[in-house]
Amino acid sequence: MTDVVPLIKLSYAKSIVKRFLELDSSNYALAEISELPQSFYESDKGFIPIAPIQNFWQLLAEKYPIDILISNFNQVIDEVFVPDVIVHMRPSQNIEAALNYFPSAMKMATGYTRVELESDSLGNATLQREFPFGSSKETLWSELFTVLCFCRVIQACGLPNFKPIKICFHHTELSPLLESSHLTDIELIGGYFRTGVVASNRDLQKDFKPQIEKCLFSSEGNINSFQESVVSVVQLYIGTNDSIEAIAKLINMSKRTLQRKLSQQGTSYKEVREIAMANKAKPMLKQGMSLADISEALGYNHISSFIRAFKRVTGSPPSKWRNG
């Protein structure tokens, strides 16, 4: 059996390294020592082995206090990880329902699938992942990064002051690091076979109010353009609550401002909605769903209207795209 090589999304790796290079130019030397692969410098897409990034983290940990490390980790998480995940989570009645989409969102955002949400008899739920990366000192930082990611995603679901009631983790050395990251007054369980963050039933039942505007529009480089940002938001709500008034309210703009900004990019809300529709329809077609079911799910009263809109965006009818 071939060992699985742990990977990290290239955009995350670059954001992590960039953050610390901006902090101190002398960290270039640490990046070189970490032996980043050539693909790190040649591409902006795909994945690279996580080991060089773990080495980089370990070198940084020997140089900086833990509070500086965690502060910069959280900034990277907020800028690149949280937006990647939140835009794939569907509209839901409450945070618990939204988190049920987290594993599939993680897969689309990172390619990583071993994540699950597990509920207990009290209604609390654990957002957890297997910990396959071994027990070396360097992998400690991957586990810390995972815990911080889980917490920041739940905060972005509409709980800005979220604090888990329990954290389970593999590395026993993680306990003092978590205490240094303001995760205090929480039950910490080390030596566990998984990494998990436990949210209370009370928090889980609160309304799902994703911080879409913060995720998509406040940080440069998250998404390439304003138009693509709006497409990502509309794609979340397509077929349910995707009127221009509803979307404008979600991103904290007036309808008129949204129309003006889209016009400045040479497009319109109708075109944006159709792009979002096509993006949502493509996986449905590949899954073998009927045109009638897809049309209904995407808010079209007639199949012919869906077909025309899909063809305007893609240049081909749904049937050809399905079989292509």
C-alpha atoms as a PDB file:
ATOM      1  CA  MET A   1       0.000   0.000   0.000  1.00  0.00           C
ATOM      2  CA  THR A   2       1.369   3.404  -1.002  1.00  0.00           C
ATOM      3  CA  ASP A   3       1.613   6.009   1.730  1.00  0.00           C
ATOM      4  CA  VAL A   4      -0.577   9.067   1.240  1.00  0.00           C
ATOM      5  CA  VAL A   5       1.442  12.266   0.946  1.00  0.00           C
ATOM      6  CA  PRO A   6      -0.311  15.046   2.910  1.00  0.00           C
ATOM      7  CA  LEU A   7      -0.958  18.057   0.686  1.00  0.00           C
ATOM      8  CA  ILE A   8      -1.850  21.704   1.124  1.00  0.00           C
ATOM      9  CA  LYS A   9      -3.574  23.929  -1.402  1.00  0.00           C
ATOM     10  CA  LEU A  10      -0.950  26.019  -3.173  1.00  0.00           C
ATOM     11  CA  SER A  11      -2.837  29.277  -2.657  1.00  0.00           C
ATOM     12  CA  TYR A  12      -2.876  28.641   1.111  1.00  0.00           C
ATOM     13  CA  ALA A  13       0.823  27.818   1.163  1.00  0.00           C
ATOM     14  CA  LYS A  14       1.676  30.987  -0.738  1.00  0.00           C
ATOM     15  CA  SER A  15      -0.476  33.117   1.538  1.00  0.00           C
ATOM     16  CA  ILE A  16       1.205  31.652   4.617  1.00  0.00           C
ATOM     17  CA  VAL A  17       4.705  32.264   3.299  1.00  0.00           C
ATOM     18  CA  LYS A  18       3.830  35.729   1.970  1.00  0.00           C
ATOM     19  CA  ARG A  19       2.386  36.760   5.336  1.00  0.00           C
ATOM     20  CA  PHE A  20       5.637  36.044   7.160  1.00  0.00           C
ATOM     21  CA  LEU A  21       7.870  37.447   4.435  1.00  0.00           C
ATOM     22  CA  GLU A  22       5.977  40.729   4.749  1.00  0.00           C
ATOM     23  CA  LEU A  23       6.428  40.544   8.500  1.00  0.00           C
ATOM     24  CA  ASP A  24      10.212  40.289   8.208  1.00  0.00           C
ATOM     25  CA  SER A  25      12.323  40.008   5.052  1.00  0.00           C
ATOM     26  CA  SER A  26      14.838  37.835   6.917  1.00  0.00           C
ATOM     27  CA  ASN A  27      12.231  35.067   6.758  1.00  0.00           C
ATOM     28  CA  TYR A  28      13.242  34.525   3.130  1.00  0.00           C
ATOM     29  CA  ALA A  29      16.136  32.497   4.500  1.00  0.00           C
ATOM     30  CA  LEU A  30      13.724  30.340   6.505  1.00  0.00           C
ATOM     31  CA  ALA A  31      11.622  29.733   3.395  1.00  0.00           C
ATOM     32  CA  GLU A  32      14.709  28.563   1.513  1.00  0.00           C
ATOM     33  CA  ILE A  33      15.737  26.216   4.313  1.00  0.00           C
ATOM     34  CA  SER A  34      12.226  24.735   4.281  1.00  0.00           C
ATOM     35  CA  GLU A  35      12.908  23.382   0.763  1.00  0.00           C
ATOM     36  CA  LEU A  36       9.734  24.535  -0.942  1.00  0.00           C
ATOM     37  CA  PRO A  37       9.194  22.626  -4.219  1.00  0.00           C
ATOM     38  CA  GLN A  38       9.776  24.316  -7.565  1.00  0.00           C
ATOM     39  CA  SER A  39       6.034  24.207  -8.279  1.00  0.00           C
ATOM     40  CA  PHE A  40       5.578  26.665  -5.408  1.00  0.00           C
ATOM     41  CA  TYR A  41       7.228  29.334  -7.561  1.00  0.00           C
ATOM     42  CA  GLU A  42       5.879  28.255 -10.950  1.00  0.00           C
ATOM     43  CA  SER A  43       2.133  27.905 -10.398  1.00  0.00           C
ATOM     44  CA  ASP A  44      -0.814  29.464  -8.594  1.00  0.00           C
ATOM     45  CA  LYS A  45      -3.089  26.426  -8.683  1.00  0.00           C
ATOM     46  CA  GLY A  46      -3.121  22.892  -7.379  1.00  0.00           C
ATOM     47  CA  PHE A  47      -1.524  21.366  -4.309  1.00  0.00           C
ATOM     48  CA  ILE A  48       1.964  20.813  -2.925  1.00  0.00           C
ATOM     49  CA  PRO A  49       3.250  18.510  -0.161  1.00  0.00           C
ATOM     50  CA  ILE A  50       2.600  20.092   3.220  1.00  0.00           C
ATOM     51  CA  ALA A  51       5.956  19.010   4.707  1.00  0.00           C
ATOM     52  CA  PRO A  52       7.920  22.127   3.579  1.00  0.00           C
ATOM     53  CA  ILE A  53       5.212  24.382   5.040  1.00  0.00           C
ATOM     54  CA  GLN A  54       5.349  22.432   8.304  1.00  0.00           C
ATOM     55  CA  ASN A  55       9.124  22.914   8.317  1.00  0.00           C
ATOM     56  CA  PHE A  56       8.616  26.631   7.713  1.00  0.00           C
ATOM     57  CA  TRP A  57       6.164  26.833  10.623  1.00  0.00           C
ATOM     58  CA  GLN A  58       8.605  25.036  12.902  1.00  0.00           C
ATOM     59  CA  LEU A  59      11.390  27.479  12.039  1.00  0.00           C
ATOM     60  CA  LEU A  60       9.033  30.399  12.656  1.00  0.00           C
ATOM     61  CA  ALA A  61       8.051  28.908  16.019  1.00  0.00           C
ATOM     62  CA  GLU A  62      11.693  28.959  17.052  1.00  0.00           C
ATOM     63  CA  LYS A  63      11.871  32.645  16.142  1.00  0.00           C
ATOM     64  CA  TYR A  64       8.549  34.212  17.193  1.00  0.00           C
ATOM     65  CA  PRO A  65       6.322  34.130  20.294  1.00  0.00           C
ATOM     66  CA  ILE A  66       3.249  31.955  19.875  1.00  0.00           C
ATOM     67  CA  ASP A  67       0.827  34.908  19.955  1.00  0.00           C
ATOM     68  CA  ILE A  68       2.472  36.415  16.855  1.00  0.00           C
ATOM     69  CA  LEU A  69       2.304  33.079  15.047  1.00  0.00           C
ATOM     70  CA  ILE A  70      -1.362  32.575  15.864  1.00  0.00           C
ATOM     71  CA  SER A  71      -2.291  36.146  14.952  1.00  0.00           C
ATOM     72  CA  ASN A  72      -0.757  35.690  11.504  1.00  0.00           C
ATOM     73  CA  PHE A  73      -2.257  32.220  11.107  1.00  0.00           C
ATOM     74  CA  ASN A  74      -5.706  33.682  11.756  1.00  0.00           C
ATOM     75  CA  GLN A  75      -5.181  36.444   9.212  1.00  0.00           C
ATOM     76  CA  VAL A  76      -4.283  33.900   6.530  1.00  0.00           C
ATOM     77  CA  ILE A  77      -7.257  31.736   7.490  1.00  0.00           C
ATOM     78  CA  ASP A  78      -9.628  34.709   7.269  1.00  0.00           C
ATOM     79  CA  GLU A  79      -8.237  35.854   3.926  1.00  0.00           C
ATOM     80  CA  VAL A  80      -8.027  32.593   1.978  1.00  0.00           C
ATOM     81  CA  PHE A  81      -9.463  29.591   3.812  1.00  0.00           C
ATOM     82  CA  VAL A  82     -12.746  30.904   5.221  1.00  0.00           C
ATOM     83  CA  PRO A  83     -13.887  32.497   1.921  1.00  0.00           C
ATOM     84  CA  ASP A  84     -13.087  29.274   0.056  1.00  0.00           C
ATOM     85  CA  VAL A  85     -15.309  27.291   2.401  1.00  0.00           C
ATOM     86  CA  ILE A  86     -18.137  29.740   3.088  1.00  0.00           C
ATOM     87  CA  VAL A  87     -18.952  30.305  -0.586  1.00  0.00           C
ATOM     88  CA  HIS A  88     -19.654  26.574  -0.939  1.00  0.00           C
ATOM     89  CA  MET A  89     -21.981  26.319   2.068  1.00  0.00           C
ATOM     90  CA  ARG A  90     -25.682  26.453   1.247  1.00  0.00           C
ATOM     91  CA  PRO A  91     -28.393  28.654   2.761  1.00  0.00           C
ATOM     92  CA  SER A  92     -29.581  26.939   5.932  1.00  0.00           C
ATOM     93  CA  GLN A  93     -31.991  27.508   8.776  1.00  0.00           C
ATOM     94  CA  ASN A  94     -29.298  27.379  11.444  1.00  0.00           C
ATOM     95  CA  ILE A  95     -25.576  26.887  11.912  1.00  0.00           C
ATOM     96  CA  GLU A  96     -25.895  23.156  12.540  1.00  0.00           C
ATOM     97  CA  ALA A  97     -27.636  22.648   9.196  1.00  0.00           C
ATOM     98  CA  ALA A  98     -25.006  24.785   7.458  1.00  0.00           C
ATOM     99  CA  LEU A  99     -22.143  22.785   8.965  1.00  0.00           C
ATOM    100  CA  ASN A 100     -23.567  19.621   7.428  1.00  0.00           C
ATOM    101  CA  TYR A 101     -22.266  21.022   4.141  1.00  0.00           C
ATOM    102  CA  PHE A 102     -18.813  21.645   5.588  1.00  0.00           C
ATOM    103  CA  PRO A 103     -17.235  18.318   4.499  1.00  0.00           C
ATOM    104  CA  SER A 104     -18.262  18.823   0.870  1.00  0.00           C
ATOM    105  CA  ALA A 105     -17.232  22.478   1.075  1.00  0.00           C
ATOM    106  CA  MET A 106     -13.830  21.374   2.353  1.00  0.00           C
ATOM    107  CA  LYS A 107     -13.505  18.955  -0.541  1.00  0.00           C
ATOM    108  CA  MET A 108     -14.243  21.663  -3.111  1.00  0.00           C
ATOM    109  CA  ALA A 109     -12.023  24.186  -1.378  1.00  0.00           C
ATOM    110  CA  THR A 110      -9.057  22.004  -0.474  1.00  0.00           C
ATOM    111  CA  GLY A 111      -9.446  18.555  -1.987  1.00  0.00           C
ATOM    112  CA  TYR A 112      -9.472  17.150   1.553  1.00  0.00           C
ATOM    113  CA  THR A 113     -12.348  14.763   2.305  1.00  0.00           C
ATOM    114  CA  ARG A 114     -11.729  13.224   5.736  1.00  0.00           C
ATOM    115  CA  VAL A 115     -13.825  15.778   7.598  1.00  0.00           C
ATOM    116  CA  GLU A 116     -17.167  15.113   9.285  1.00  0.00           C
ATOM    117  CA  LEU A 117     -19.731  16.573  11.657  1.00  0.00           C
ATOM    118  CA  GLU A 118     -20.743  14.195  14.450  1.00  0.00           C
ATOM    119  CA  SER A 119     -23.558  14.909  16.933  1.00  0.00           C
ATOM    120  CA  ASP A 120     -23.930  13.534  20.455  1.00  0.00           C
ATOM    121  CA  SER A 121     -26.947  12.770  22.662  1.00  0.00           C
ATOM    122  CA  LEU A 122     -26.948  16.312  24.099  1.00  0.00           C
ATOM    123  CA  GLY A 123     -27.266  17.935  20.698  1.00  0.00           C
ATOM    124  CA  ASN A 124     -23.682  19.179  20.699  1.00  0.00           C
ATOM    125  CA  ALA A 125     -21.672  18.504  17.558  1.00  0.00           C
ATOM    126  CA  THR A 126     -18.010  17.898  16.803  1.00  0.00           C
ATOM    127  CA  LEU A 127     -16.459  19.232  13.625  1.00  0.00           C
ATOM    128  CA  GLN A 128     -13.559  16.845  13.197  1.00  0.00           C
ATOM    129  CA  ARG A 129     -11.024  15.338  10.844  1.00  0.00           C
ATOM    130  CA  GLU A 130      -8.737  12.369  10.941  1.00  0.00           C
ATOM    131  CA  PHE A 131      -5.176  13.152  11.849  1.00  0.00           C
ATOM    132  CA  PRO A 132      -3.045  11.196   9.348  1.00  0.00           C
ATOM    133  CA  PHE A 133       0.099  13.306   9.451  1.00  0.00           C
ATOM    134  CA  GLY A 134       2.102  11.515  12.123  1.00  0.00           C
ATOM    135  CA  SER A 135       3.415  12.733  15.455  1.00  0.00           C
ATOM    136  CA  SER A 136       6.521  14.712  14.553  1.00  0.00           C
ATOM    137  CA  LYS A 137       7.142  18.124  16.052  1.00  0.00           C
ATOM    138  CA  GLU A 138       6.528  19.783  12.691  1.00  0.00           C
ATOM    139  CA  THR A 139       3.037  18.288  12.268  1.00  0.00           C
ATOM    140  CA  LEU A 140       1.984  19.957  15.498  1.00  0.00           C
ATOM    141  CA  TRP A 141       1.531  23.181  13.519  1.00  0.00           C
ATOM    142  CA  SER A 142      -0.786  21.510  11.012  1.00  0.00           C
ATOM    143  CA  GLU A 143      -3.017  20.426  13.854  1.00  0.00           C
ATOM    144  CA  LEU A 144      -3.035  23.898  15.387  1.00  0.00           C
ATOM    145  CA  PHE A 145      -3.880  25.363  11.970  1.00  0.00           C
ATOM    146  CA  THR A 146      -6.777  22.888  11.666  1.00  0.00           C
ATOM    147  CA  VAL A 147      -8.246  23.856  15.052  1.00  0.00           C
ATOM    148  CA  LEU A 148      -8.011  27.549  14.202  1.00  0.00           C
ATOM    149  CA  CYS A 149      -9.613  26.926  10.780  1.00  0.00           C
ATOM    150  CA  PHE A 150     -12.568  25.104  12.320  1.00  0.00           C
ATOM    151  CA  CYS A 151     -13.128  27.870  14.864  1.00  0.00           C
ATOM    152  CA  ARG A 152     -12.855  30.666  12.299  1.00  0.00           C
ATOM    153  CA  VAL A 153     -15.317  28.973   9.931  1.00  0.00           C
ATOM    154  CA  ILE A 154     -17.915  28.627  12.693  1.00  0.00           C
ATOM    155  CA  GLN A 155     -17.367  32.277  13.600  1.00  0.00           C
ATOM    156  CA  ALA A 156     -17.912  33.226   9.947  1.00  0.00           C
ATOM    157  CA  CYS A 157     -21.222  31.329   9.963  1.00  0.00           C
ATOM    158  CA  GLY A 158     -22.635  34.064  12.178  1.00  0.00           C
ATOM    159  CA  LEU A 159     -21.014  33.521  15.584  1.00  0.00           C
ATOM    160  CA  PRO A 160     -18.190  36.082  15.742  1.00  0.00           C
ATOM    161  CA  ASN A 161     -17.598  35.338  19.434  1.00  0.00           C
ATOM    162  CA  PHE A 162     -17.779  31.553  19.103  1.00  0.00           C
ATOM    163  CA  LYS A 163     -15.807  29.525  21.619  1.00  0.00           C
ATOM    164  CA  PRO A 164     -15.925  25.701  21.545  1.00  0.00           C
ATOM    165  CA  ILE A 165     -16.865  23.815  24.685  1.00  0.00           C
ATOM    166  CA  LYS A 166     -14.211  21.191  24.022  1.00  0.00           C
ATOM    167  CA  ILE A 167     -11.232  20.632  21.726  1.00  0.00           C
ATOM    168  CA  CYS A 168      -9.796  17.180  21.017  1.00  0.00           C
ATOM    169  CA  PHE A 169      -6.359  16.806  19.456  1.00  0.00           C
ATOM    170  CA  HIS A 170      -3.539  14.377  18.818  1.00  0.00           C
ATOM    171  CA  HIS A 171      -0.441  16.283  19.964  1.00  0.00           C
ATOM    172  CA  THR A 172      -0.405  16.721  23.727  1.00  0.00           C
ATOM    173  CA  GLU A 173       1.965  19.670  23.180  1.00  0.00           C
ATOM    174  CA  LEU A 174      -0.922  21.534  21.567  1.00  0.00           C
ATOM    175  CA  SER A 175      -2.573  22.316  24.901  1.00  0.00           C
ATOM    176  CA  PRO A 176      -0.361  25.281  25.930  1.00  0.00           C
ATOM    177  CA  LEU A 177      -0.503  26.650  22.371  1.00  0.00           C
ATOM    178  CA  LEU A 178      -4.298  26.648  22.424  1.00  0.00           C
ATOM    179  CA  GLU A 179      -4.294  28.387  25.775  1.00  0.00           C
ATOM    180  CA  SER A 180      -2.032  31.043  24.251  1.00  0.00           C
ATOM    181  CA  SER A 181      -4.484  31.572  21.381  1.00  0.00           C
ATOM    182  CA  HIS A 182      -7.245  32.873  23.664  1.00  0.00           C
ATOM    183  CA  LEU A 183      -8.985  29.479  23.601  1.00  0.00           C
ATOM    184  CA  THR A 184      -9.183  29.430  27.388  1.00  0.00           C
ATOM    185  CA  ASP A 185     -11.764  27.967  29.782  1.00  0.00           C
ATOM    186  CA  ILE A 186     -12.253  25.103  27.343  1.00  0.00           C
ATOM    187  CA  GLU A 187     -11.891  21.391  28.018  1.00  0.00           C
ATOM    188  CA  LEU A 188      -8.766  20.235  26.168  1.00  0.00           C
ATOM    189  CA  ILE A 189      -8.263  16.534  25.440  1.00  0.00           C
ATOM    190  CA  GLY A 190      -4.844  15.552  24.089  1.00  0.00           C
ATOM    191  CA  GLY A 191      -3.664  12.210  22.751  1.00  0.00           C
ATOM    192  CA  TYR A 192      -6.854  11.811  20.707  1.00  0.00           C
ATOM    193  CA  PHE A 193      -6.920  10.043  17.331  1.00  0.00           C
ATOM    194  CA  ARG A 194      -8.739  12.927  15.663  1.00  0.00           C
ATOM    195  CA  THR A 195      -8.706  16.704  15.671  1.00  0.00           C
ATOM    196  CA  GLY A 196     -12.101  18.037  16.717  1.00  0.00           C
ATOM    197  CA  VAL A 197     -13.841  21.212  17.831  1.00  0.00           C
ATOM    198  CA  VAL A 198     -17.064  20.727  19.818  1.00  0.00           C
ATOM    199  CA  ALA A 199     -19.826  23.319  19.419  1.00  0.00           C
ATOM    200  CA  SER A 200     -22.711  23.525  21.867  1.00  0.00           C
ATOM    201  CA  ASN A 201     -26.281  22.799  20.843  1.00  0.00           C
ATOM    202  CA  ARG A 202     -27.165  26.352  21.850  1.00  0.00           C
ATOM    203  CA  ASP A 203     -24.692  27.802  19.350  1.00  0.00           C
ATOM    204  CA  LEU A 204     -25.660  25.330  16.643  1.00  0.00           C
ATOM    205  CA  GLN A 205     -29.313  26.382  16.753  1.00  0.00           C
ATOM    206  CA  LYS A 206     -28.540  30.036  16.066  1.00  0.00           C
ATOM    207  CA  ASP A 207     -29.317  31.511  12.662  1.00  0.00           C
ATOM    208  CA  PHE A 208     -26.854  30.870   9.865  1.00  0.00           C
ATOM    209  CA  LYS A 209     -25.695  34.345   8.859  1.00  0.00           C
ATOM    210  CA  PRO A 210     -22.555  33.882   6.774  1.00  0.00           C
ATOM    211  CA  GLN A 211     -20.212  36.838   6.759  1.00  0.00           C
ATOM    212  CA  ILE A 212     -20.277  36.910   2.981  1.00  0.00           C
ATOM    213  CA  GLU A 213     -19.362  40.551   2.540  1.00  0.00           C
ATOM    214  CA  LYS A 214     -16.364  40.214   4.851  1.00  0.00           C
ATOM    215  CA  CYS A 215     -15.198  37.019   3.174  1.00  0.00           C
ATOM    216  CA  LEU A 216     -15.566  38.099  -0.420  1.00  0.00           C
ATOM    217  CA  PHE A 217     -14.977  41.811  -0.547  1.00  0.00           C
ATOM    218  CA  SER A 218     -12.720  42.936   2.288  1.00  0.00           C
ATOM    219  CA  SER A 219      -9.482  41.132   1.411  1.00  0.00           C
ATOM    220  CA  GLU A 220      -7.636  41.713  -1.818  1.00  0.00           C
ATOM    221  CA  GLY A 221      -6.879  38.638  -3.859  1.00  0.00           C
ATOM    222  CA  ASN A 222      -9.624  36.370  -2.515  1.00  0.00           C
ATOM    223  CA  ILE A 223     -11.579  36.452  -5.747  1.00  0.00           C
ATOM    224  CA  ASN A 224     -10.408  37.993  -9.000  1.00  0.00           C
ATOM    225  CA  SER A 225     -13.102  40.600  -9.522  1.00  0.00           C
ATOM    226  CA  PHE A 226     -16.241  42.119  -8.118  1.00  0.00           C
ATOM    227  CA  GLN A 227     -18.269  40.258 -10.723  1.00  0.00           C
ATOM    228  CA  GLU A 228     -16.831  36.893  -9.669  1.00  0.00           C
ATOM    229  CA  SER A 229     -17.509  37.756  -6.049  1.00  0.00           C
ATOM    230  CA  VAL A 230     -21.163  38.422  -6.786  1.00  0.00           C
ATOM    231  CA  VAL A 231     -21.399  35.233  -8.857  1.00  0.00           C
ATOM    232  CA  SER A 232     -20.135  33.268  -5.849  1.00  0.00           C
ATOM    233  CA  VAL A 233     -22.805  34.784  -3.612  1.00  0.00           C
ATOM    234  CA  VAL A 234     -25.626  34.294  -6.123  1.00  0.00           C
ATOM    235  CA  GLN A 235     -24.540  30.691  -6.609  1.00  0.00           C
ATOM    236  CA  LEU A 236     -25.255  30.070  -2.933  1.00  0.00           C
ATOM    237  CA  TYR A 237     -28.826  31.325  -3.226  1.00  0.00           C
ATOM    238  CA  ILE A 238     -29.722  30.436  -6.815  1.00  0.00           C
ATOM    239  CA  GLY A 239     -33.274  29.170  -7.095  1.00  0.00           C
ATOM    240  CA  THR A 240     -34.178  30.155  -3.538  1.00  0.00           C
ATOM    241  CA  ASN A 241     -33.639  33.819  -2.731  1.00  0.00           C
ATOM    242  CA  ASP A 242     -31.627  35.155  -5.645  1.00  0.00           C
ATOM    243  CA  SER A 243     -33.407  38.393  -6.504  1.00  0.00           C
ATOM    244  CA  ILE A 244     -31.145  41.384  -6.979  1.00  0.00           C
ATOM    245  CA  GLU A 245     -32.712  42.995  -3.910  1.00  0.00           C
ATOM    246  CA  ALA A 246     -31.911  39.959  -1.741  1.00  0.00           C
ATOM    247  CA  ILE A 247     -28.331  39.654  -2.998  1.00  0.00           C
ATOM    248  CA  ALA A 248     -27.692  43.382  -2.572  1.00  0.00           C
ATOM    249  CA  LYS A 249     -28.877  43.151   1.021  1.00  0.00           C
ATOM    250  CA  LEU A 250     -26.605  40.146   1.663  1.00  0.00           C
ATOM    251  CA  ILE A 251     -23.514  42.036   0.555  1.00  0.00           C
ATOM    252  CA  ASN A 252     -24.579  45.203   2.344  1.00  0.00           C
ATOM    253  CA  MET A 253     -25.246  47.324  -0.729  1.00  0.00           C
ATOM    254  CA  SER A 254     -28.229  49.067  -2.198  1.00  0.00           C
ATOM    255  CA  LYS A 255     -29.730  47.587  -5.345  1.00  0.00           C
ATOM    256  CA  ARG A 256     -28.655  50.672  -7.258  1.00  0.00           C
ATOM    257  CA  THR A 257     -25.033  50.438  -6.069  1.00  0.00           C
ATOM    258  CA  LEU A 258     -24.853  46.775  -7.036  1.00  0.00           C
ATOM    259  CA  GLN A 259     -26.221  47.537 -10.498  1.00  0.00           C
ATOM    260  CA  ARG A 260     -23.758  50.395 -10.943  1.00  0.00           C
ATOM    261  CA  LYS A 261     -20.731  48.340  -9.893  1.00  0.00           C
ATOM    262  CA  LEU A 262     -21.677  45.500 -12.221  1.00  0.00           C
ATOM    263  CA  SER A 263     -22.248  47.965 -15.047  1.00  0.00           C
ATOM    264  CA  GLN A 264     -18.753  49.364 -14.483  1.00  0.00           C
ATOM    265  CA  GLN A 265     -17.426  45.867 -15.177  1.00  0.00           C
ATOM    266  CA  GLY A 266     -19.459  45.606 -18.363  1.00  0.00           C
ATOM    267  CA  THR A 267     -22.063  43.210 -17.072  1.00  0.00           C
ATOM    268  CA  SER A 268     -25.521  43.111 -15.490  1.00  0.00           C
ATOM    269  CA  TYR A 269     -27.226  41.243 -12.694  1.00  0.00           C
ATOM    270  CA  LYS A 270     -29.091  39.094 -15.225  1.00  0.00           C
ATOM    271  CA  GLU A 271     -25.790  37.971 -16.747  1.00  0.00           C
ATOM    272  CA  VAL A 272     -24.270  37.341 -13.315  1.00  0.00           C
ATOM    273  CA  ARG A 273     -27.257  35.251 -12.287  1.00  0.00           C
ATOM    274  CA  GLU A 274     -27.040  33.176 -15.459  1.00  0.00           C
ATOM    275  CA  ILE A 275     -23.332  32.510 -14.885  1.00  0.00           C
ATOM    276  CA  ALA A 276     -24.118  31.405 -11.327  1.00  0.00           C
ATOM    277  CA  MET A 277     -26.929  29.231 -12.668  1.00  0.00           C
ATOM    278  CA  ALA A 278     -24.642  27.533 -15.190  1.00  0.00           C
ATOM    279  CA  ASN A 279     -21.993  26.918 -12.524  1.00  0.00           C
ATOM    280  CA  LYS A 280     -24.616  25.287 -10.324  1.00  0.00           C
ATOM    281  CA  ALA A 281     -26.163  23.313 -13.193  1.00  0.00           C
ATOM    282  CA  LYS A 282     -22.973  21.673 -14.473  1.00  0.00           C
ATOM    283  CA  PRO A 283     -22.447  19.231 -11.580  1.00  0.00           C
ATOM    284  CA  MET A 284     -26.184  18.476 -11.589  1.00  0.00           C
ATOM    285  CA  LEU A 285     -25.953  17.498 -15.249  1.00  0.00           C
ATOM    286  CA  LYS A 286     -22.932  15.294 -14.606  1.00  0.00           C
ATOM    287  CA  GLN A 287     -24.830  13.601 -11.771  1.00  0.00           C
ATOM    288  CA  GLY A 288     -27.562  12.606 -14.242  1.00  0.00           C
ATOM    289  CA  MET A 289     -30.359  14.826 -12.918  1.00  0.00           C
ATOM    290  CA  SER A 290     -33.185  15.438 -15.370  1.00  0.00           C
ATOM    291  CA  LEU A 291     -33.553  18.820 -17.054  1.00  0.00           C
ATOM    292  CA  ALA A 292     -36.943  19.207 -15.396  1.00  0.00           C
ATOM    293  CA  ASP A 293     -35.491  18.725 -11.904  1.00  0.00           C
ATOM    294  CA  ILE A 294     -32.537  21.016 -12.609  1.00  0.00           C
ATOM    295  CA  SER A 295     -34.777  23.725 -14.040  1.00  0.00           C
ATOM    296  CA  GLU A 296     -37.032  23.613 -10.999  1.00  0.00           C
ATOM    297  CA  ALA A 297     -34.098  23.622  -8.552  1.00  0.00           C
ATOM    298  CA  LEU A 298     -32.615  26.681 -10.250  1.00  0.00           C
ATOM    299  CA  GLY A 299     -35.841  28.664 -10.245  1.00  0.00           C
ATOM    300  CA  TYR A 300     -37.001  28.267 -13.856  1.00  0.00           C
ATOM    301  CA  ASN A 301     -40.693  27.739 -14.582  1.00  0.00           C
ATOM    302  CA  HIS A 302     -39.998  26.253 -18.005  1.00  0.00           C
ATOM    303  CA  ILE A 303     -37.261  23.878 -19.152  1.00  0.00           C
ATOM    304  CA  SER A 304     -36.883  25.872 -22.369  1.00  0.00           C
ATOM    305  CA  SER A 305     -35.976  29.002 -20.386  1.00  0.00           C
ATOM    306  CA  PHE A 306     -33.264  27.105 -18.531  1.00  0.00           C
ATOM    307  CA  ILE A 307     -31.874  25.639 -21.766  1.00  0.00           C
ATOM    308  CA  ARG A 308     -31.671  29.057 -23.450  1.00  0.00           C
ATOM    309  CA  ALA A 309     -29.969  30.649 -20.439  1.00  0.00           C
ATOM    310  CA  PHE A 310     -27.481  27.791 -20.113  1.00  0.00           C
ATOM    311  CA  LYS A 311     -26.615  28.036 -23.805  1.00  0.00           C
ATOM    312  CA  ARG A 312     -26.078  31.801 -23.554  1.00  0.00           C
ATOM    313  CA  VAL A 313     -23.443  31.232 -20.872  1.00  0.00           C
ATOM    314  CA  THR A 314     -21.695  28.091 -22.114  1.00  0.00           C
ATOM    315  CA  GLY A 315     -22.283  28.241 -25.858  1.00  0.00           C
ATOM    316  CA  SER A 316     -23.869  24.793 -25.912  1.00  0.00           C
ATOM    317  CA  PRO A 317     -27.133  23.236 -24.691  1.00  0.00           C
ATOM    318  CA  PRO A 318     -27.209  21.237 -21.443  1.00  0.00           C
ATOM    319  CA  SER A 319     -27.553  17.919 -23.291  1.00  0.00           C
ATOM    320  CA  LYS A 320     -24.322  18.471 -25.203  1.00  0.00           C
ATOM    321  CA  TRP A 321     -22.472  19.595 -22.071  1.00  0.00           C
ATOM    322  CA  ARG A 322     -23.725  16.537 -20.159  1.00  0.00           C
ATOM    323  CA  ASN A 323     -22.393  14.179 -22.813  1.00  0.00           C
ATOM    324  CA  GLY A 324     -19.248  16.154 -23.598  1.00  0.00           C
END
